[in-house]
Protein backbone atom coordinates (compact mmCIF):
# COMPACT_ATOMS: atom_id res chain seq x y z
CA MET A 1 -30.64 3.06 -23.66
CA GLU A 2 -28.55 5.77 -22.08
CA GLN A 3 -24.86 5.80 -21.22
CA LEU A 4 -24.25 5.74 -17.47
CA TYR A 5 -21.16 7.28 -15.92
CA VAL A 6 -20.23 6.28 -12.39
CA GLY A 7 -17.89 8.26 -10.17
CA ILE A 8 -16.46 6.36 -7.20
CA ASP A 9 -14.57 8.16 -4.44
CA VAL A 10 -12.50 5.52 -2.65
CA SER A 11 -11.51 5.58 1.00
CA LYS A 12 -10.25 2.89 3.33
CA GLU A 13 -13.70 2.13 4.77
CA THR A 14 -16.26 3.34 2.22
CA LEU A 15 -17.04 3.97 -1.44
CA ASP A 16 -19.00 7.12 -2.29
CA VAL A 17 -20.79 6.57 -5.61
CA ILE A 18 -22.52 9.08 -7.90
CA LEU A 19 -24.50 8.13 -11.01
CA ARG A 20 -24.42 10.56 -13.94
CA TRP A 21 -26.91 10.56 -16.83
CA GLU A 22 -26.78 12.98 -19.78
CA ARG A 23 -24.56 15.69 -18.26
CA LYS A 24 -26.33 15.64 -14.92
CA ASN A 25 -25.34 13.97 -11.67
CA GLY A 26 -28.03 11.79 -10.17
CA GLU A 27 -28.36 9.41 -7.26
CA HIS A 28 -25.70 9.17 -4.57
CA ARG A 29 -24.99 6.12 -2.46
CA VAL A 30 -22.35 5.06 0.08
CA VAL A 31 -21.35 1.41 0.48
CA ALA A 32 -18.70 -0.32 2.55
CA ASN A 33 -15.36 -0.82 0.85
CA ASP A 34 -15.39 -4.59 1.33
CA ALA A 35 -16.65 -7.64 -0.54
CA SER A 36 -20.21 -7.27 0.75
CA GLY A 37 -20.42 -3.56 0.00
CA ILE A 38 -19.04 -4.02 -3.51
CA SER A 39 -21.62 -6.76 -4.15
CA GLN A 40 -24.34 -4.30 -3.11
CA LEU A 41 -22.88 -1.73 -5.51
CA ILE A 42 -22.87 -4.20 -8.42
CA LYS A 43 -26.50 -5.18 -7.78
CA TRP A 44 -27.49 -1.50 -7.64
CA LEU A 45 -25.71 -0.74 -10.91
CA ALA A 46 -27.36 -3.72 -12.62
CA LYS A 47 -30.79 -2.30 -11.72
CA GLN A 48 -30.03 0.92 -13.61
CA LYS A 49 -30.48 -0.88 -16.98
CA ALA A 50 -27.98 1.41 -18.70
CA GLY A 51 -27.02 0.90 -22.33
CA SER A 52 -23.38 0.95 -21.27
CA LEU A 53 -21.55 1.86 -18.11
CA HIS A 54 -18.21 3.58 -17.54
CA ALA A 55 -16.87 3.81 -13.97
CA CYS A 56 -14.10 6.16 -12.85
CA LEU A 57 -12.08 6.12 -9.66
CA GLU A 58 -8.71 7.49 -8.59
CA ALA A 59 -5.58 5.43 -8.08
CA THR A 60 -5.46 5.18 -4.29
CA GLY A 61 -3.12 2.27 -3.77
CA GLN A 62 -4.68 -1.00 -2.70
CA TYR A 63 -7.97 0.48 -1.45
CA GLY A 64 -9.46 0.71 -4.93
CA ASP A 65 -8.13 -2.54 -6.34
CA GLU A 66 -11.04 -4.83 -5.42
CA VAL A 67 -13.83 -2.59 -6.66
CA ALA A 68 -11.99 -1.89 -9.94
CA GLU A 69 -11.35 -5.59 -10.57
CA ARG A 70 -14.89 -6.66 -9.76
CA LEU A 71 -16.46 -3.98 -11.96
CA TYR A 72 -14.11 -5.01 -14.77
CA ALA A 73 -15.15 -8.65 -14.26
CA GLN A 74 -18.77 -7.58 -14.77
CA GLY A 75 -17.84 -6.31 -18.23
CA TYR A 76 -18.03 -2.63 -17.32
CA ALA A 77 -15.59 -0.06 -18.67
CA VAL A 78 -13.31 1.12 -15.87
CA SER A 79 -10.81 3.98 -15.71
CA VAL A 80 -8.34 4.41 -12.86
CA LEU A 81 -7.14 8.02 -12.84
CA ASN A 82 -4.06 9.78 -11.56
CA PRO A 83 -5.39 11.97 -8.71
CA LEU A 84 -3.63 14.99 -10.25
CA CYS A 85 -5.99 14.76 -13.25
CA THR A 86 -9.13 15.25 -11.19
CA LYS A 87 -7.42 17.79 -8.93
CA SER A 88 -6.58 19.95 -11.96
CA TYR A 89 -10.08 19.40 -13.37
CA ALA A 90 -11.66 20.56 -10.10
CA ARG A 91 -9.42 23.64 -10.00
CA ALA A 92 -10.36 24.53 -13.57
CA GLY A 93 -14.05 24.28 -12.63
CA LEU A 94 -13.51 26.52 -9.59
CA VAL A 95 -14.76 23.82 -7.24
CA ARG A 96 -14.30 25.15 -3.71
CA ASN A 97 -15.90 22.49 -1.51
CA GLN A 98 -14.33 19.09 -1.14
CA THR A 99 -16.37 16.22 0.25
CA ASP A 100 -16.50 12.57 -0.69
CA LYS A 101 -19.81 13.17 -2.47
CA VAL A 102 -18.43 16.16 -4.40
CA ASP A 103 -15.33 14.20 -5.37
CA ALA A 104 -17.47 11.30 -6.65
CA GLY A 105 -19.52 13.73 -8.72
CA LEU A 106 -16.37 15.24 -10.20
CA LEU A 107 -15.12 11.80 -11.17
CA ALA A 108 -18.41 11.02 -12.92
CA GLU A 109 -18.31 14.35 -14.77
CA TYR A 110 -14.66 13.88 -15.73
CA CYS A 111 -15.48 10.39 -16.99
CA GLU A 112 -18.21 11.73 -19.29
CA LYS A 113 -16.39 14.78 -20.64
CA GLN A 114 -12.80 13.53 -20.89
CA GLU A 115 -13.36 9.88 -21.86
CA PRO A 116 -10.24 8.68 -20.00
CA ARG A 117 -8.16 5.70 -21.00
CA LEU A 118 -9.67 2.34 -20.05
CA TRP A 119 -7.99 0.33 -17.32
CA VAL A 120 -6.96 -3.31 -17.64
CA PRO A 121 -6.23 -5.24 -14.43
CA PRO A 122 -2.69 -6.51 -13.93
CA SER A 123 -2.01 -10.23 -14.20
CA PRO A 124 -1.69 -12.23 -10.95
CA LEU A 125 2.08 -12.43 -11.52
CA HIS A 126 2.36 -8.67 -12.05
CA LYS A 127 0.32 -8.00 -8.89
CA ARG A 128 2.61 -10.18 -6.81
CA LEU A 129 5.76 -8.67 -8.32
CA ARG A 130 4.50 -5.16 -7.65
CA ALA A 131 3.57 -6.05 -4.07
CA LEU A 132 7.07 -7.43 -3.44
CA SER A 133 8.69 -4.36 -5.01
CA ARG A 134 6.67 -2.04 -2.78
CA ARG A 135 7.49 -4.18 0.23
CA LEU A 136 11.13 -3.46 -0.53
CA ASP A 137 10.37 0.27 -0.30
CA ASP A 138 8.72 -0.27 3.08
CA LEU A 139 11.63 -2.30 4.43
CA GLU A 140 14.21 0.19 3.15
CA GLY A 141 12.32 3.06 4.77
CA ILE A 142 12.10 1.28 8.12
CA ARG A 143 15.78 0.28 8.02
CA GLN A 144 16.88 3.83 7.22
CA ALA A 145 14.77 5.17 10.09
CA GLU A 146 16.42 2.67 12.46
CA ARG A 147 19.86 3.62 11.16
CA ASN A 148 19.07 7.27 11.88
CA ARG A 149 18.01 6.35 15.41
CA LEU A 150 21.20 4.37 15.89
CA HIS A 151 23.29 7.32 14.73
CA ALA A 152 21.45 9.57 17.19
CA ALA A 153 21.90 7.04 20.02
CA LYS A 154 25.68 7.27 20.22
CA HIS A 155 25.63 8.23 23.88
CA GLN A 156 22.54 6.30 24.94
CA ASP A 157 22.18 3.06 26.85
CA ALA A 158 23.97 0.08 25.31
CA THR A 159 20.76 -1.96 25.45
CA ILE A 160 19.05 0.49 23.10
CA ARG A 161 21.94 0.42 20.69
CA THR A 162 22.02 -3.38 20.71
CA SER A 163 18.27 -3.50 20.05
CA LEU A 164 18.63 -1.12 17.12
CA GLU A 165 21.57 -3.03 15.67
CA GLU A 166 19.70 -6.33 15.89
CA HIS A 167 16.62 -4.84 14.25
CA ILE A 168 18.72 -3.36 11.43
CA ALA A 169 20.36 -6.76 10.87
CA PHE A 170 16.93 -8.43 10.76
CA LEU A 171 15.62 -5.85 8.27
CA SER A 172 18.70 -6.36 6.09
CA GLU A 173 17.98 -10.10 6.03
CA GLN A 174 14.35 -9.42 5.09
CA LEU A 175 15.45 -7.07 2.32
CA ALA A 176 17.84 -9.65 0.88
CA ALA A 177 15.20 -12.39 1.02
CA THR A 178 12.58 -10.16 -0.63
CA GLN A 179 14.98 -9.14 -3.40
CA LYS A 180 15.82 -12.79 -4.03
CA GLU A 181 12.15 -13.80 -4.17
CA LEU A 182 11.34 -10.88 -6.48
CA ALA A 183 14.08 -11.89 -8.93
CA ARG A 184 13.11 -15.58 -8.74
CA LEU A 185 9.46 -14.83 -9.42
CA LEU A 186 10.18 -12.51 -12.35
CA ASP A 187 12.48 -15.09 -13.95
CA GLN A 188 9.55 -17.54 -14.07
CA ASP A 189 8.11 -15.45 -16.92
CA PRO A 190 10.32 -15.96 -20.02
CA GLU A 191 9.35 -12.63 -21.59
CA LEU A 192 9.95 -10.59 -18.44
CA LYS A 193 13.24 -12.41 -17.93
CA ARG A 194 14.28 -11.48 -21.48
CA GLN A 195 13.29 -7.86 -20.88
CA LYS A 196 15.29 -7.82 -17.64
CA GLN A 197 18.44 -8.89 -19.51
CA LEU A 198 17.86 -6.18 -22.11
CA LEU A 199 17.45 -3.50 -19.43
CA MET A 200 20.61 -4.66 -17.66
CA SER A 201 22.58 -4.11 -20.88
CA ILE A 202 22.12 -0.34 -20.34
CA LYS A 203 25.04 1.17 -18.44
CA GLY A 204 23.69 2.48 -15.14
CA VAL A 205 20.84 -0.03 -14.85
CA GLY A 206 21.59 -2.88 -12.43
CA ALA A 207 19.76 -6.12 -11.85
CA LEU A 208 17.63 -4.84 -8.97
CA THR A 209 16.59 -1.71 -10.86
CA ALA A 210 15.63 -3.78 -13.91
CA VAL A 211 13.60 -6.22 -11.81
CA ARG A 212 11.79 -3.51 -9.86
CA PHE A 213 11.15 -1.45 -12.99
CA LEU A 214 9.39 -4.41 -14.62
CA ALA A 215 7.65 -5.33 -11.36
CA GLU A 216 6.03 -1.89 -11.27
CA LEU A 217 5.25 -1.49 -14.96
CA GLY A 218 4.90 -5.03 -16.32
CA ASP A 219 5.50 -5.59 -20.03
CA LEU A 220 6.88 -2.31 -21.45
CA ARG A 221 5.52 -3.20 -24.88
CA GLU A 222 2.13 -2.00 -23.67
CA PHE A 223 3.38 1.59 -24.06
CA ALA A 224 2.99 2.99 -27.57
CA ASP A 225 6.21 5.01 -27.53
CA ALA A 226 8.95 6.32 -25.27
CA ARG A 227 7.20 9.66 -24.76
CA GLN A 228 4.14 7.88 -23.40
CA LEU A 229 6.32 5.95 -20.97
CA ALA A 230 8.14 9.11 -19.82
CA ALA A 231 4.83 10.93 -19.34
CA PHE A 232 3.41 7.99 -17.37
CA LEU A 233 6.41 8.18 -15.05
CA GLY A 234 6.14 11.96 -14.64
CA LEU A 235 9.55 12.51 -16.26
CA THR A 236 8.48 15.01 -18.90
CA PRO A 237 9.56 18.64 -18.40
CA GLU A 238 6.93 21.19 -17.40
CA PHE A 239 7.28 24.81 -18.52
CA LYS A 240 5.58 27.92 -17.15
CA THR A 241 5.79 31.08 -19.24
CA SER A 242 3.43 34.02 -19.53
CA GLY A 243 4.16 37.28 -21.29
CA LYS A 244 7.49 38.86 -20.45
CA SER A 245 7.47 38.46 -16.70
CA VAL A 246 6.77 34.80 -15.98
CA HIS A 247 9.56 32.45 -17.03
CA SER A 248 10.00 29.82 -14.33
CA LYS A 249 12.62 27.12 -14.63
CA PRO A 250 11.46 23.87 -16.27
CA ARG A 251 10.94 21.00 -13.85
CA LEU A 252 9.71 17.43 -13.98
CA SER A 253 5.94 17.21 -14.06
CA LYS A 254 5.95 14.41 -11.43
CA ARG A 255 2.46 13.48 -12.59
CA GLY A 256 3.06 9.78 -12.64
CA ASN A 257 4.47 6.76 -10.86
CA ALA A 258 6.49 8.14 -7.94
CA ALA A 259 7.84 4.70 -6.98
CA VAL A 260 9.56 4.28 -10.36
CA ARG A 261 10.94 7.83 -10.33
CA LYS A 262 12.48 7.12 -6.94
CA MET A 263 14.13 3.91 -8.12
CA LEU A 264 15.53 5.61 -11.23
CA PHE A 265 17.26 8.40 -9.30
CA MET A 266 20.52 6.61 -8.38
CA PRO A 267 20.80 4.78 -11.74
CA ALA A 268 20.47 8.18 -13.42
CA VAL A 269 23.25 9.61 -11.25
CA SER A 270 25.44 6.68 -12.29
CA ALA A 271 24.45 6.84 -15.97
CA LYS A 272 25.23 10.56 -16.08
CA ASN A 273 28.88 9.61 -15.58
CA THR A 274 29.20 6.13 -17.10
CA ASN A 275 26.66 5.83 -19.92
CA PRO A 276 28.07 7.52 -23.05
CA ILE A 277 24.67 8.50 -24.48
CA VAL A 278 23.34 9.88 -21.18
CA ARG A 279 26.68 11.53 -20.44
CA GLU A 280 26.76 13.31 -23.81
CA PHE A 281 23.13 14.38 -23.41
CA CYS A 282 23.77 15.85 -19.95
CA ALA A 283 26.98 17.53 -21.13
CA ARG A 284 25.03 19.43 -23.78
CA LEU A 285 22.51 20.55 -21.17
CA ALA A 286 25.30 21.59 -18.80
CA LEU A 287 26.51 24.09 -21.41
CA SER A 288 23.26 25.99 -20.90
CA ARG A 289 24.02 26.15 -17.16
CA LYS A 290 21.41 23.70 -15.99
CA CYS A 291 21.63 22.95 -12.26
CA ASP A 292 22.76 19.54 -11.03
CA MET A 293 19.26 18.36 -10.13
CA SER A 294 17.97 19.37 -13.56
CA LEU A 295 20.71 17.26 -15.12
CA VAL A 296 19.74 14.26 -12.98
CA GLY A 297 16.11 14.72 -14.03
CA ALA A 298 17.18 14.85 -17.66
CA ALA A 299 19.25 11.70 -17.15
CA MET A 300 16.21 9.92 -15.69
CA HIS A 301 14.18 10.98 -18.73
CA LYS A 302 16.88 9.74 -21.11
CA LEU A 303 17.18 6.44 -19.23
CA ALA A 304 13.44 5.86 -19.60
CA HIS A 305 13.78 6.40 -23.36
CA LEU A 306 16.72 3.97 -23.55
CA MET A 307 14.82 1.38 -21.52
CA PHE A 308 11.86 1.65 -23.85
CA GLY A 309 14.20 1.43 -26.84
CA VAL A 310 15.90 -1.83 -25.92
CA ILE A 311 12.58 -3.49 -25.09
CA HIS A 312 10.88 -2.51 -28.33
CA SER A 313 13.90 -3.23 -30.51
CA GLY A 314 14.65 -6.49 -28.74
CA LYS A 315 18.35 -5.62 -28.97
CA PRO A 316 20.84 -4.94 -26.15
CA PHE A 317 22.00 -1.39 -25.51
CA ASP A 318 24.54 -0.13 -28.01
CA PRO A 319 26.77 2.57 -26.46
CA ASN A 320 27.99 3.51 -29.96
CA PHE A 321 24.49 3.96 -31.33
CA LEU A 322 24.84 7.69 -32.01
CA SER A 323 28.17 7.27 -33.78
CA ASN A 324 26.86 4.53 -36.08
CA PRO A 325 27.09 5.87 -39.66
CA GLN A 326 23.94 3.97 -40.66
CA VAL A 327 22.02 5.77 -37.91
CA ALA A 328 23.54 9.10 -38.80
CA SER A 329 22.50 8.71 -42.42
């Protein structure tokens, strides 16, 4: 029996699905992106009588969660791709038209030719932690917008200013309550609690950063090495050189989890000055006249490596690690 590859283009309301057999796209179908539509999809796939089935969809926030989890529950192989992967793949294939059907076909083709990494659904605890962490982002964004409005309302009616001040106070209370619930929930898992303490031993990493880092990524032991973690977060440098004329400055690839990169920015700024290992690393780069933002990016990359290191070693951060004669030998 043949291998069946399934490309699923996810939108808020619908799922565009393409079946691919032996290097050729086949039938196309559109179903509603809800419980009923996904049930129809599963019944349709079962009728195909494939030897094995591998479904691919892009990471589109919460809109693709239900279909990915239900396909996984059926025993199908599922891959959830970074949208940049398929975007680059389409560009390499000189694909000019972009429709939901075309995108689904590209996902099916990518699935067959690239054999992407299989996806495993997060645990219920991890899902709730991640939802709370992202709620913090939402609340912080709303509060900052209200603070900007308050700053711009210096000479406006007092009623408007009072309304803004009260809303900011309410949002601050919501932020504090969400942070407290996030920490409480994470501490219910002994292993995640242990990992939080290890992360907090790193100078520059506070309690909230440690909690949110684990809320987004779960158990860091799932990553094979520090390079894999840095690549997943989009913290690896990207170089562009060609011949003698093209030599652009290296920059972060940003092909990864933007939420974690955002939360690591301020800890990296702090670590660049207070963490001896990060400080020494950035000082060496500064000698080659790297700009300030490049140094912060490098500090974020180094922090990710240190965070991976303490988790996998099970030992707290040692600021004298590099000067240890046993390490040097």
